[in-house]
PDB file of N, CA and C in Angstrom:
ATOM      1  N   MET A   1      62.164   7.353 106.444  1.00  0.00           N
ATOM      2  CA  MET A   1      61.145   7.855 107.414  1.00  0.00           C
ATOM      3  C   MET A   1      59.697   7.520 107.158  1.00  0.00           C
ATOM      4  N   ASN A   2      59.012   7.097 108.086  1.00  0.00           N
ATOM      5  CA  ASN A   2      57.541   6.556 107.911  1.00  0.00           C
ATOM      6  C   ASN A   2      56.717   8.022 108.178  1.00  0.00           C
ATOM      7  N   VAL A   3      56.001   8.359 107.129  1.00  0.00           N
ATOM      8  CA  VAL A   3      54.996   9.498 107.214  1.00  0.00           C
ATOM      9  C   VAL A   3      53.719   9.203 107.614  1.00  0.00           C
ATOM     10  N   PHE A   4      53.463   8.086 107.842  1.00  0.00           N
ATOM     11  CA  PHE A   4      52.107   7.552 108.353  1.00  0.00           C
ATOM     12  C   PHE A   4      51.790   8.080 109.535  1.00  0.00           C
ATOM     13  N   PRO A   5      52.809   7.588 110.721  1.00  0.00           N
ATOM     14  CA  PRO A   5      52.389   8.457 112.019  1.00  0.00           C
ATOM     15  C   PRO A   5      51.888   9.888 112.338  1.00  0.00           C
ATOM     16  N   TRP A   6      52.530  10.480 111.309  1.00  0.00           N
ATOM     17  CA  TRP A   6      52.500  12.178 111.346  1.00  0.00           C
ATOM     18  C   TRP A   6      51.251  12.257 110.502  1.00  0.00           C
ATOM     19  N   LEU A   7      50.888  11.746 109.480  1.00  0.00           N
ATOM     20  CA  LEU A   7      49.476  12.049 108.949  1.00  0.00           C
ATOM     21  C   LEU A   7      48.414  11.528 109.898  1.00  0.00           C
ATOM     22  N   LEU A   8      48.741  10.375 110.499  1.00  0.00           N
ATOM     23  CA  LEU A   8      47.659   9.986 111.479  1.00  0.00           C
ATOM     24  C   LEU A   8      47.166  11.091 112.665  1.00  0.00           C
ATOM     25  N   VAL A   9      48.399  11.552 113.199  1.00  0.00           N
ATOM     26  CA  VAL A   9      48.218  12.671 114.185  1.00  0.00           C
ATOM     27  C   VAL A   9      47.750  14.116 113.463  1.00  0.00           C
ATOM     28  N   LEU A  10      48.128  14.028 112.289  1.00  0.00           N
ATOM     29  CA  LEU A  10      47.690  15.371 111.599  1.00  0.00           C
ATOM     30  C   LEU A  10      46.034  15.409 111.400  1.00  0.00           C
ATOM     31  N   PHE A  11      45.535  14.060 110.727  1.00  0.00           N
ATOM     32  CA  PHE A  11      44.045  14.038 110.425  1.00  0.00           C
ATOM     33  C   PHE A  11      43.325  13.290 111.390  1.00  0.00           C
ATOM     34  N   ILE A  12      43.677  12.782 112.251  1.00  0.00           N
ATOM     35  CA  ILE A  12      42.680  12.094 113.518  1.00  0.00           C
ATOM     36  C   ILE A  12      43.157  12.805 114.616  1.00  0.00           C
ATOM     37  N   GLY A  13      44.485  13.076 115.331  1.00  0.00           N
ATOM     38  CA  GLY A  13      44.619  13.525 116.487  1.00  0.00           C
ATOM     39  C   GLY A  13      44.235  15.103 116.543  1.00  0.00           C
ATOM     40  N   ILE A  14      44.647  15.897 115.907  1.00  0.00           N
ATOM     41  CA  ILE A  14      44.480  17.284 115.846  1.00  0.00           C
ATOM     42  C   ILE A  14      42.985  17.415 115.930  1.00  0.00           C
ATOM     43  N   PRO A  15      41.953  17.029 114.768  1.00  0.00           N
ATOM     44  CA  PRO A  15      40.478  17.414 115.056  1.00  0.00           C
ATOM     45  C   PRO A  15      40.252  16.700 116.122  1.00  0.00           C
ATOM     46  N   LEU A  16      40.425  15.474 116.807  1.00  0.00           N
ATOM     47  CA  LEU A  16      39.922  15.197 118.206  1.00  0.00           C
ATOM     48  C   LEU A  16      40.392  16.122 119.340  1.00  0.00           C
ATOM     49  N   PHE A  17      41.339  16.541 119.374  1.00  0.00           N
ATOM     50  CA  PHE A  17      41.855  17.534 120.397  1.00  0.00           C
ATOM     51  C   PHE A  17      41.074  18.737 120.382  1.00  0.00           C
ATOM     52  N   GLU A  18      40.983  19.299 119.297  1.00  0.00           N
ATOM     53  CA  GLU A  18      40.092  20.606 118.598  1.00  0.00           C
ATOM     54  C   GLU A  18      38.493  20.256 119.145  1.00  0.00           C
ATOM     55  N   LEU A  19      38.102  19.101 119.010  1.00  0.00           N
ATOM     56  CA  LEU A  19      36.741  18.771 119.399  1.00  0.00           C
ATOM     57  C   LEU A  19      36.817  19.046 120.955  1.00  0.00           C
ATOM     58  N   TYR A  20      37.601  18.336 121.602  1.00  0.00           N
ATOM     59  CA  TYR A  20      37.869  18.266 122.974  1.00  0.00           C
ATOM     60  C   TYR A  20      37.686  19.648 123.490  1.00  0.00           C
ATOM     61  N   LEU A  21      38.816  20.485 123.079  1.00  0.00           N
ATOM     62  CA  LEU A  21      38.834  21.873 123.449  1.00  0.00           C
ATOM     63  C   LEU A  21      37.362  22.744 123.180  1.00  0.00           C
ATOM     64  N   LEU A  22      36.803  22.427 121.942  1.00  0.00           N
ATOM     65  CA  LEU A  22      35.584  22.973 121.972  1.00  0.00           C
ATOM     66  C   LEU A  22      34.435  22.915 122.949  1.00  0.00           C
ATOM     67  N   ILE A  23      34.303  21.399 123.130  1.00  0.00           N
ATOM     68  CA  ILE A  23      33.513  20.964 124.222  1.00  0.00           C
ATOM     69  C   ILE A  23      33.867  21.708 125.502  1.00  0.00           C
ATOM     70  N   GLN A  24      35.192  21.655 126.108  1.00  0.00           N
ATOM     71  CA  GLN A  24      35.456  22.234 127.041  1.00  0.00           C
ATOM     72  C   GLN A  24      35.059  23.740 127.290  1.00  0.00           C
ATOM     73  N   VAL A  25      35.390  24.495 126.306  1.00  0.00           N
ATOM     74  CA  VAL A  25      35.152  25.950 126.068  1.00  0.00           C
ATOM     75  C   VAL A  25      33.658  26.254 126.229  1.00  0.00           C
ATOM     76  N   GLY A  26      32.859  25.182 125.749  1.00  0.00           N
ATOM     77  CA  GLY A  26      31.383  25.183 125.355  1.00  0.00           C
ATOM     78  C   GLY A  26      30.821  25.000 126.783  1.00  0.00           C
ATOM     79  N   SER A  27      31.329  24.117 127.431  1.00  0.00           N
ATOM     80  CA  SER A  27      30.823  24.048 128.963  1.00  0.00           C
ATOM     81  C   SER A  27      31.057  25.074 129.772  1.00  0.00           C
ATOM     82  N   ILE A  28      31.966  25.893 129.411  1.00  0.00           N
ATOM     83  CA  ILE A  28      32.335  27.037 130.538  1.00  0.00           C
ATOM     84  C   ILE A  28      31.571  28.234 129.959  1.00  0.00           C
ATOM     85  N   ILE A  29      31.401  28.793 128.781  1.00  0.00           N
ATOM     86  CA  ILE A  29      30.750  29.867 128.136  1.00  0.00           C
ATOM     87  C   ILE A  29      29.631  29.728 127.607  1.00  0.00           C
ATOM     88  N   GLY A  30      29.341  28.230 127.261  1.00  0.00           N
ATOM     89  CA  GLY A  30      28.167  28.171 126.592  1.00  0.00           C
ATOM     90  C   GLY A  30      28.184  27.657 125.127  1.00  0.00           C
ATOM     91  N   ALA A  31      27.268  26.968 124.634  1.00  0.00           N
ATOM     92  CA  ALA A  31      27.383  26.644 123.164  1.00  0.00           C
ATOM     93  C   ALA A  31      27.384  27.636 122.247  1.00  0.00           C
ATOM     94  N   LEU A  32      26.402  28.700 122.175  1.00  0.00           N
ATOM     95  CA  LEU A  32      26.295  29.722 121.273  1.00  0.00           C
ATOM     96  C   LEU A  32      27.552  30.775 121.257  1.00  0.00           C
ATOM     97  N   PRO A  33      28.088  31.096 122.472  1.00  0.00           N
ATOM     98  CA  PRO A  33      28.863  32.108 122.603  1.00  0.00           C
ATOM     99  C   PRO A  33      30.212  31.336 121.940  1.00  0.00           C
ATOM    100  N   THR A  34      30.473  30.002 122.124  1.00  0.00           N
ATOM    101  CA  THR A  34      31.729  29.266 121.607  1.00  0.00           C
ATOM    102  C   THR A  34      31.473  29.141 120.046  1.00  0.00           C
ATOM    103  N   LEU A  35      30.269  28.911 119.660  1.00  0.00           N
ATOM    104  CA  LEU A  35      29.959  28.868 118.162  1.00  0.00           C
ATOM    105  C   LEU A  35      30.228  30.083 117.623  1.00  0.00           C
ATOM    106  N   ALA A  36      29.761  31.285 118.348  1.00  0.00           N
ATOM    107  CA  ALA A  36      30.011  32.641 117.571  1.00  0.00           C
ATOM    108  C   ALA A  36      31.440  33.099 117.729  1.00  0.00           C
ATOM    109  N   LEU A  37      32.146  32.619 118.502  1.00  0.00           N
ATOM    110  CA  LEU A  37      33.579  32.673 118.654  1.00  0.00           C
ATOM    111  C   LEU A  37      34.183  32.228 117.735  1.00  0.00           C
ATOM    112  N   VAL A  38      34.078  30.977 117.460  1.00  0.00           N
ATOM    113  CA  VAL A  38      34.731  30.132 116.024  1.00  0.00           C
ATOM    114  C   VAL A  38      34.201  30.966 114.874  1.00  0.00           C
ATOM    115  N   VAL A  39      32.980  31.369 114.723  1.00  0.00           N
ATOM    116  CA  VAL A  39      32.781  32.017 113.382  1.00  0.00           C
ATOM    117  C   VAL A  39      33.274  33.336 113.287  1.00  0.00           C
ATOM    118  N   PHE A  40      33.523  33.857 114.301  1.00  0.00           N
ATOM    119  CA  PHE A  40      34.144  35.307 114.369  1.00  0.00           C
ATOM    120  C   PHE A  40      35.362  35.256 114.083  1.00  0.00           C
ATOM    121  N   THR A  41      36.305  34.190 114.739  1.00  0.00           N
ATOM    122  CA  THR A  41      37.798  34.200 114.431  1.00  0.00           C
ATOM    123  C   THR A  41      37.959  33.662 112.788  1.00  0.00           C
ATOM    124  N   ALA A  42      36.851  32.810 112.270  1.00  0.00           N
ATOM    125  CA  ALA A  42      37.143  32.540 110.788  1.00  0.00           C
ATOM    126  C   ALA A  42      36.843  33.739 110.049  1.00  0.00           C
ATOM    127  N   VAL A  43      35.674  34.389 110.536  1.00  0.00           N
ATOM    128  CA  VAL A  43      35.668  35.638 109.400  1.00  0.00           C
ATOM    129  C   VAL A  43      36.691  36.601 109.714  1.00  0.00           C
ATOM    130  N   LEU A  44      37.180  36.840 110.913  1.00  0.00           N
ATOM    131  CA  LEU A  44      38.351  37.871 111.085  1.00  0.00           C
ATOM    132  C   LEU A  44      39.512  37.241 110.299  1.00  0.00           C
ATOM    133  N   GLY A  45      39.977  35.992 110.295  1.00  0.00           N
ATOM    134  CA  GLY A  45      40.926  35.500 109.570  1.00  0.00           C
ATOM    135  C   GLY A  45      40.872  35.583 108.116  1.00  0.00           C
ATOM    136  N   ALA A  46      39.755  35.412 107.625  1.00  0.00           N
ATOM    137  CA  ALA A  46      39.595  35.538 106.410  1.00  0.00           C
ATOM    138  C   ALA A  46      39.761  37.176 105.864  1.00  0.00           C
ATOM    139  N   ALA A  47      39.345  38.092 106.594  1.00  0.00           N
ATOM    140  CA  ALA A  47      39.497  39.175 106.179  1.00  0.00           C
ATOM    141  C   ALA A  47      40.888  39.555 106.159  1.00  0.00           C
ATOM    142  N   LEU A  48      41.693  39.114 107.144  1.00  0.00           N
ATOM    143  CA  LEU A  48      43.181  39.446 107.539  1.00  0.00           C
ATOM    144  C   LEU A  48      43.968  38.731 106.253  1.00  0.00           C
ATOM    145  N   LEU A  49      43.537  37.496 105.984  1.00  0.00           N
ATOM    146  CA  LEU A  49      44.260  36.710 104.997  1.00  0.00           C
ATOM    147  C   LEU A  49      44.006  37.518 103.786  1.00  0.00           C
ATOM    148  N   ARG A  50      42.983  38.088 103.315  1.00  0.00           N
ATOM    149  CA  ARG A  50      42.830  38.543 102.201  1.00  0.00           C
ATOM    150  C   ARG A  50      43.639  39.727 102.028  1.00  0.00           C
ATOM    151  N   ARG A  51      43.782  40.659 102.995  1.00  0.00           N
ATOM    152  CA  ARG A  51      44.582  41.699 103.189  1.00  0.00           C
ATOM    153  C   ARG A  51      46.193  41.360 102.998  1.00  0.00           C
ATOM    154  N   GLN A  52      46.460  40.503 103.765  1.00  0.00           N
ATOM    155  CA  GLN A  52      47.768  40.146 103.760  1.00  0.00           C
ATOM    156  C   GLN A  52      48.394  39.313 102.319  1.00  0.00           C
ATOM    157  N   GLY A  53      47.227  38.675 101.990  1.00  0.00           N
ATOM    158  CA  GLY A  53      47.595  38.043 100.456  1.00  0.00           C
ATOM    159  C   GLY A  53      47.812  38.945  99.403  1.00  0.00           C
ATOM    160  N   LEU A  54      46.698  39.979  99.265  1.00  0.00           N
ATOM    161  CA  LEU A  54      46.746  41.041  98.433  1.00  0.00           C
ATOM    162  C   LEU A  54      48.256  41.834  98.246  1.00  0.00           C
ATOM    163  N   SER A  55      48.430  42.128  99.677  1.00  0.00           N
ATOM    164  CA  SER A  55      49.790  42.697  99.805  1.00  0.00           C
ATOM    165  C   SER A  55      51.076  41.994  99.339  1.00  0.00           C
ATOM    166  N   THR A  56      51.044  40.635  99.554  1.00  0.00           N
ATOM    167  CA  THR A  56      51.846  39.697  99.176  1.00  0.00           C
ATOM    168  C   THR A  56      51.838  39.627  97.635  1.00  0.00           C
ATOM    169  N   VAL A  57      50.880  39.744  96.977  1.00  0.00           N
ATOM    170  CA  VAL A  57      50.894  39.541  95.502  1.00  0.00           C
ATOM    171  C   VAL A  57      51.368  40.793  94.813  1.00  0.00           C
ATOM    172  N   GLN A  58      50.993  41.912  95.486  1.00  0.00           N
ATOM    173  CA  GLN A  58      51.503  43.199  94.945  1.00  0.00           C
ATOM    174  C   GLN A  58      53.256  43.514  95.132  1.00  0.00           C
ATOM    175  N   ARG A  59      53.678  42.910  96.175  1.00  0.00           N
ATOM    176  CA  ARG A  59      55.114  42.775  96.513  1.00  0.00           C
ATOM    177  C   ARG A  59      55.939  41.820  95.575  1.00  0.00           C
ATOM    178  N   ILE A  60      55.205  40.742  95.008  1.00  0.00           N
ATOM    179  CA  ILE A  60      55.656  39.744  94.077  1.00  0.00           C
ATOM    180  C   ILE A  60      55.616  40.331  92.472  1.00  0.00           C
ATOM    181  N   GLN A  61      54.447  41.354  92.195  1.00  0.00           N
ATOM    182  CA  GLN A  61      54.561  41.869  91.127  1.00  0.00           C
ATOM    183  C   GLN A  61      55.759  43.060  90.954  1.00  0.00           C
ATOM    184  N   ILE A  62      55.778  43.804  92.060  1.00  0.00           N
ATOM    185  CA  ILE A  62      56.835  44.817  92.102  1.00  0.00           C
ATOM    186  C   ILE A  62      58.354  44.158  91.967  1.00  0.00           C
ATOM    187  N   ALA A  63      58.693  43.002  92.649  1.00  0.00           N
ATOM    188  CA  ALA A  63      59.978  42.215  92.582  1.00  0.00           C
ATOM    189  C   ALA A  63      60.054  41.970  90.883  1.00  0.00           C
ATOM    190  N   MET A  64      59.349  41.220  90.475  1.00  0.00           N
ATOM    191  CA  MET A  64      59.261  40.660  89.143  1.00  0.00           C
ATOM    192  C   MET A  64      59.452  41.840  87.936  1.00  0.00           C
ATOM    193  N   ASN A  65      58.609  43.069  88.145  1.00  0.00           N
ATOM    194  CA  ASN A  65      58.785  44.238  87.453  1.00  0.00           C
ATOM    195  C   ASN A  65      60.215  44.660  87.358  1.00  0.00           C
ATOM    196  N   ARG A  66      60.917  44.619  88.603  1.00  0.00           N
ATOM    197  CA  ARG A  66      62.368  44.936  89.016  1.00  0.00           C
ATOM    198  C   ARG A  66      63.293  44.026  88.424  1.00  0.00           C
ATOM    199  N   GLY A  67      62.791  42.865  87.900  1.00  0.00           N
ATOM    200  CA  GLY A  67      63.556  41.851  87.524  1.00  0.00           C
ATOM    201  C   GLY A  67      64.073  40.878  88.405  1.00  0.00           C
ATOM    202  N   GLU A  68      63.784  40.810  89.586  1.00  0.00           N
ATOM    203  CA  GLU A  68      64.144  39.948  90.692  1.00  0.00           C
ATOM    204  C   GLU A  68      63.581  38.883  90.845  1.00  0.00           C
ATOM    205  N   VAL A  69      64.086  37.711  91.507  1.00  0.00           N
ATOM    206  CA  VAL A  69      63.292  36.711  91.757  1.00  0.00           C
ATOM    207  C   VAL A  69      62.332  37.036  93.351  1.00  0.00           C
ATOM    208  N   PRO A  70      61.346  36.782  93.267  1.00  0.00           N
ATOM    209  CA  PRO A  70      60.348  37.208  94.418  1.00  0.00           C
ATOM    210  C   PRO A  70      60.527  35.828  95.572  1.00  0.00           C
ATOM    211  N   ALA A  71      61.548  35.224  95.643  1.00  0.00           N
ATOM    212  CA  ALA A  71      61.717  33.948  96.306  1.00  0.00           C
ATOM    213  C   ALA A  71      61.019  34.341  97.895  1.00  0.00           C
ATOM    214  N   LEU A  72      61.290  35.471  98.654  1.00  0.00           N
ATOM    215  CA  LEU A  72      60.553  35.518 100.100  1.00  0.00           C
ATOM    216  C   LEU A  72      59.067  35.848 100.031  1.00  0.00           C
ATOM    217  N   GLU A  73      58.827  36.489  98.919  1.00  0.00           N
ATOM    218  CA  GLU A  73      57.311  36.681  98.850  1.00  0.00           C
ATOM    219  C   GLU A  73      56.635  35.415  98.401  1.00  0.00           C
ATOM    220  N   VAL A  74      57.051  34.582  97.701  1.00  0.00           N
ATOM    221  CA  VAL A  74      56.617  33.303  97.407  1.00  0.00           C
ATOM    222  C   VAL A  74      56.456  32.400  98.928  1.00  0.00           C
ATOM    223  N   VAL A  75      57.481  32.513  99.307  1.00  0.00           N
ATOM    224  CA  VAL A  75      57.355  31.592 100.716  1.00  0.00           C
ATOM    225  C   VAL A  75      56.433  32.183 101.608  1.00  0.00           C
ATOM    226  N   GLU A  76      56.346  33.502 101.836  1.00  0.00           N
ATOM    227  CA  GLU A  76      55.265  34.178 102.573  1.00  0.00           C
ATOM    228  C   GLU A  76      54.086  33.824 101.998  1.00  0.00           C
ATOM    229  N   GLY A  77      53.799  33.716 100.695  1.00  0.00           N
ATOM    230  CA  GLY A  77      52.422  33.527 100.115  1.00  0.00           C
ATOM    231  C   GLY A  77      52.194  31.981 100.550  1.00  0.00           C
ATOM    232  N   ALA A  78      53.093  31.149 100.474  1.00  0.00           N
ATOM    233  CA  ALA A  78      52.831  29.650 100.912  1.00  0.00           C
ATOM    234  C   ALA A  78      52.525  29.626 102.420  1.00  0.00           C
ATOM    235  N   ILE A  79      53.009  30.319 103.428  1.00  0.00           N
ATOM    236  CA  ILE A  79      52.718  30.337 104.608  1.00  0.00           C
ATOM    237  C   ILE A  79      51.328  31.041 104.877  1.00  0.00           C
ATOM    238  N   LEU A  80      51.018  31.953 104.064  1.00  0.00           N
ATOM    239  CA  LEU A  80      49.630  32.541 104.225  1.00  0.00           C
ATOM    240  C   LEU A  80      48.785  31.432 103.872  1.00  0.00           C
ATOM    241  N   LEU A  81      48.878  30.949 102.777  1.00  0.00           N
ATOM    242  CA  LEU A  81      48.077  29.642 102.398  1.00  0.00           C
ATOM    243  C   LEU A  81      47.823  28.600 103.404  1.00  0.00           C
ATOM    244  N   ILE A  82      48.874  28.182 104.183  1.00  0.00           N
ATOM    245  CA  ILE A  82      48.805  27.176 104.957  1.00  0.00           C
ATOM    246  C   ILE A  82      47.940  27.918 106.439  1.00  0.00           C
ATOM    247  N   GLY A  83      48.274  29.200 106.805  1.00  0.00           N
ATOM    248  CA  GLY A  83      47.660  29.750 107.816  1.00  0.00           C
ATOM    249  C   GLY A  83      46.041  29.854 107.496  1.00  0.00           C
ATOM    250  N   GLY A  84      45.635  30.236 106.180  1.00  0.00           N
ATOM    251  CA  GLY A  84      44.428  30.499 105.940  1.00  0.00           C
ATOM    252  C   GLY A  84      43.566  29.253 106.055  1.00  0.00           C
ATOM    253  N   ALA A  85      44.386  28.102 105.640  1.00  0.00           N
ATOM    254  CA  ALA A  85      43.621  26.702 105.643  1.00  0.00           C
ATOM    255  C   ALA A  85      43.275  26.490 107.100  1.00  0.00           C
ATOM    256  N   MET A  86      44.349  26.903 107.745  1.00  0.00           N
ATOM    257  CA  MET A  86      44.107  26.539 109.389  1.00  0.00           C
ATOM    258  C   MET A  86      43.109  27.512 109.948  1.00  0.00           C
ATOM    259  N   LEU A  87      42.901  28.594 109.336  1.00  0.00           N
ATOM    260  CA  LEU A  87      41.718  29.501 110.170  1.00  0.00           C
ATOM    261  C   LEU A  87      40.312  28.991 109.600  1.00  0.00           C
ATOM    262  N   LEU A  88      40.312  28.355 108.330  1.00  0.00           N
ATOM    263  CA  LEU A  88      39.057  27.923 107.859  1.00  0.00           C
ATOM    264  C   LEU A  88      38.842  26.742 108.556  1.00  0.00           C
ATOM    265  N   THR A  89      39.545  25.913 109.388  1.00  0.00           N
ATOM    266  CA  THR A  89      39.430  24.800 110.184  1.00  0.00           C
ATOM    267  C   THR A  89      38.940  25.256 111.520  1.00  0.00           C
ATOM    268  N   PRO A  90      37.718  24.801 111.945  1.00  0.00           N
ATOM    269  CA  PRO A  90      37.123  24.899 113.326  1.00  0.00           C
ATOM    270  C   PRO A  90      37.773  24.539 114.106  1.00  0.00           C
ATOM    271  N   GLY A  91      38.280  25.445 115.416  1.00  0.00           N
ATOM    272  CA  GLY A  91      39.009  25.154 116.369  1.00  0.00           C
ATOM    273  C   GLY A  91      40.002  26.260 117.010  1.00  0.00           C
ATOM    274  N   PHE A  92      40.166  26.216 118.142  1.00  0.00           N
ATOM    275  CA  PHE A  92      40.924  27.228 118.958  1.00  0.00           C
ATOM    276  C   PHE A  92      42.547  27.299 118.615  1.00  0.00           C
ATOM    277  N   VAL A  93      42.908  26.052 118.354  1.00  0.00           N
ATOM    278  CA  VAL A  93      44.568  25.680 118.325  1.00  0.00           C
ATOM    279  C   VAL A  93      45.028  25.943 116.891  1.00  0.00           C
ATOM    280  N   THR A  94      44.000  25.541 116.004  1.00  0.00           N
ATOM    281  CA  THR A  94      44.464  25.985 114.666  1.00  0.00           C
ATOM    282  C   THR A  94      44.136  27.333 114.301  1.00  0.00           C
ATOM    283  N   ASP A  95      43.294  27.928 114.916  1.00  0.00           N
ATOM    284  CA  ASP A  95      43.151  29.167 114.779  1.00  0.00           C
ATOM    285  C   ASP A  95      44.460  30.186 115.130  1.00  0.00           C
ATOM    286  N   ALA A  96      44.847  29.562 116.450  1.00  0.00           N
ATOM    287  CA  ALA A  96      45.951  30.331 116.484  1.00  0.00           C
ATOM    288  C   ALA A  96      47.159  30.384 116.038  1.00  0.00           C
ATOM    289  N   LEU A  97      47.366  29.045 115.363  1.00  0.00           N
ATOM    290  CA  LEU A  97      48.314  28.727 114.495  1.00  0.00           C
ATOM    291  C   LEU A  97      48.255  29.342 113.186  1.00  0.00           C
ATOM    292  N   GLY A  98      46.870  29.699 112.660  1.00  0.00           N
ATOM    293  CA  GLY A  98      46.692  30.309 111.538  1.00  0.00           C
ATOM    294  C   GLY A  98      46.760  31.830 111.849  1.00  0.00           C
ATOM    295  N   PHE A  99      46.358  32.445 112.686  1.00  0.00           N
ATOM    296  CA  PHE A  99      46.786  33.795 113.021  1.00  0.00           C
ATOM    297  C   PHE A  99      48.334  34.034 113.074  1.00  0.00           C
ATOM    298  N   LEU A 100      49.177  33.127 113.687  1.00  0.00           N
ATOM    299  CA  LEU A 100      50.336  33.255 113.819  1.00  0.00           C
ATOM    300  C   LEU A 100      51.232  33.148 112.447  1.00  0.00           C
ATOM    301  N   CYS A 101      50.338  32.477 111.612  1.00  0.00           N
ATOM    302  CA  CYS A 101      51.016  32.655 110.063  1.00  0.00           C
ATOM    303  C   CYS A 101      50.598  33.841 109.357  1.00  0.00           C
ATOM    304  N   LEU A 102      49.385  34.555 109.912  1.00  0.00           N
ATOM    305  CA  LEU A 102      49.251  36.077 109.371  1.00  0.00           C
ATOM    306  C   LEU A 102      50.038  36.975 109.780  1.00  0.00           C
ATOM    307  N   TRP A 103      50.789  36.677 111.016  1.00  0.00           N
ATOM    308  CA  TRP A 103      51.642  37.990 111.944  1.00  0.00           C
ATOM    309  C   TRP A 103      52.812  38.102 111.111  1.00  0.00           C
ATOM    310  N   PRO A 104      53.019  38.973 110.270  1.00  0.00           N
ATOM    311  CA  PRO A 104      54.331  39.424 109.684  1.00  0.00           C
ATOM    312  C   PRO A 104      55.688  39.034 110.307  1.00  0.00           C
ATOM    313  N   PRO A 105      55.899  39.627 111.528  1.00  0.00           N
ATOM    314  CA  PRO A 105      56.885  38.867 112.089  1.00  0.00           C
ATOM    315  C   PRO A 105      57.175  37.339 112.214  1.00  0.00           C
ATOM    316  N   ALA A 106      56.131  36.708 112.417  1.00  0.00           N
ATOM    317  CA  ALA A 106      56.199  35.515 112.527  1.00  0.00           C
ATOM    318  C   ALA A 106      56.728  34.747 111.069  1.00  0.00           C
ATOM    319  N   ARG A 107      56.282  35.221 110.071  1.00  0.00           N
ATOM    320  CA  ARG A 107      56.574  34.811 108.872  1.00  0.00           C
ATOM    321  C   ARG A 107      58.039  34.827 108.519  1.00  0.00           C
TER     322      ARG A 107
END
């Protein structure tokens, strides 16, 4: 399987789509409110990520103290890492996916 088309979509297609959405939203509500919304989602996402991440680290430590393998917690940590990267990427689609990664039932 050739990975190049998928990487092309990820690194070129998604940012172009996000830029298009930002321009469309900016033309409807204005540039400053759009910028404020993007910054707000990034700050909110970082706060939620910190909280969820600390909780996951605590659960990993508890499992390890019991002598168990914290497999589920490690997977959740990886999903949180991906969600955090998406939240730091400016855009509405990546923010939605990032918040979905932070939502415990979705993990």
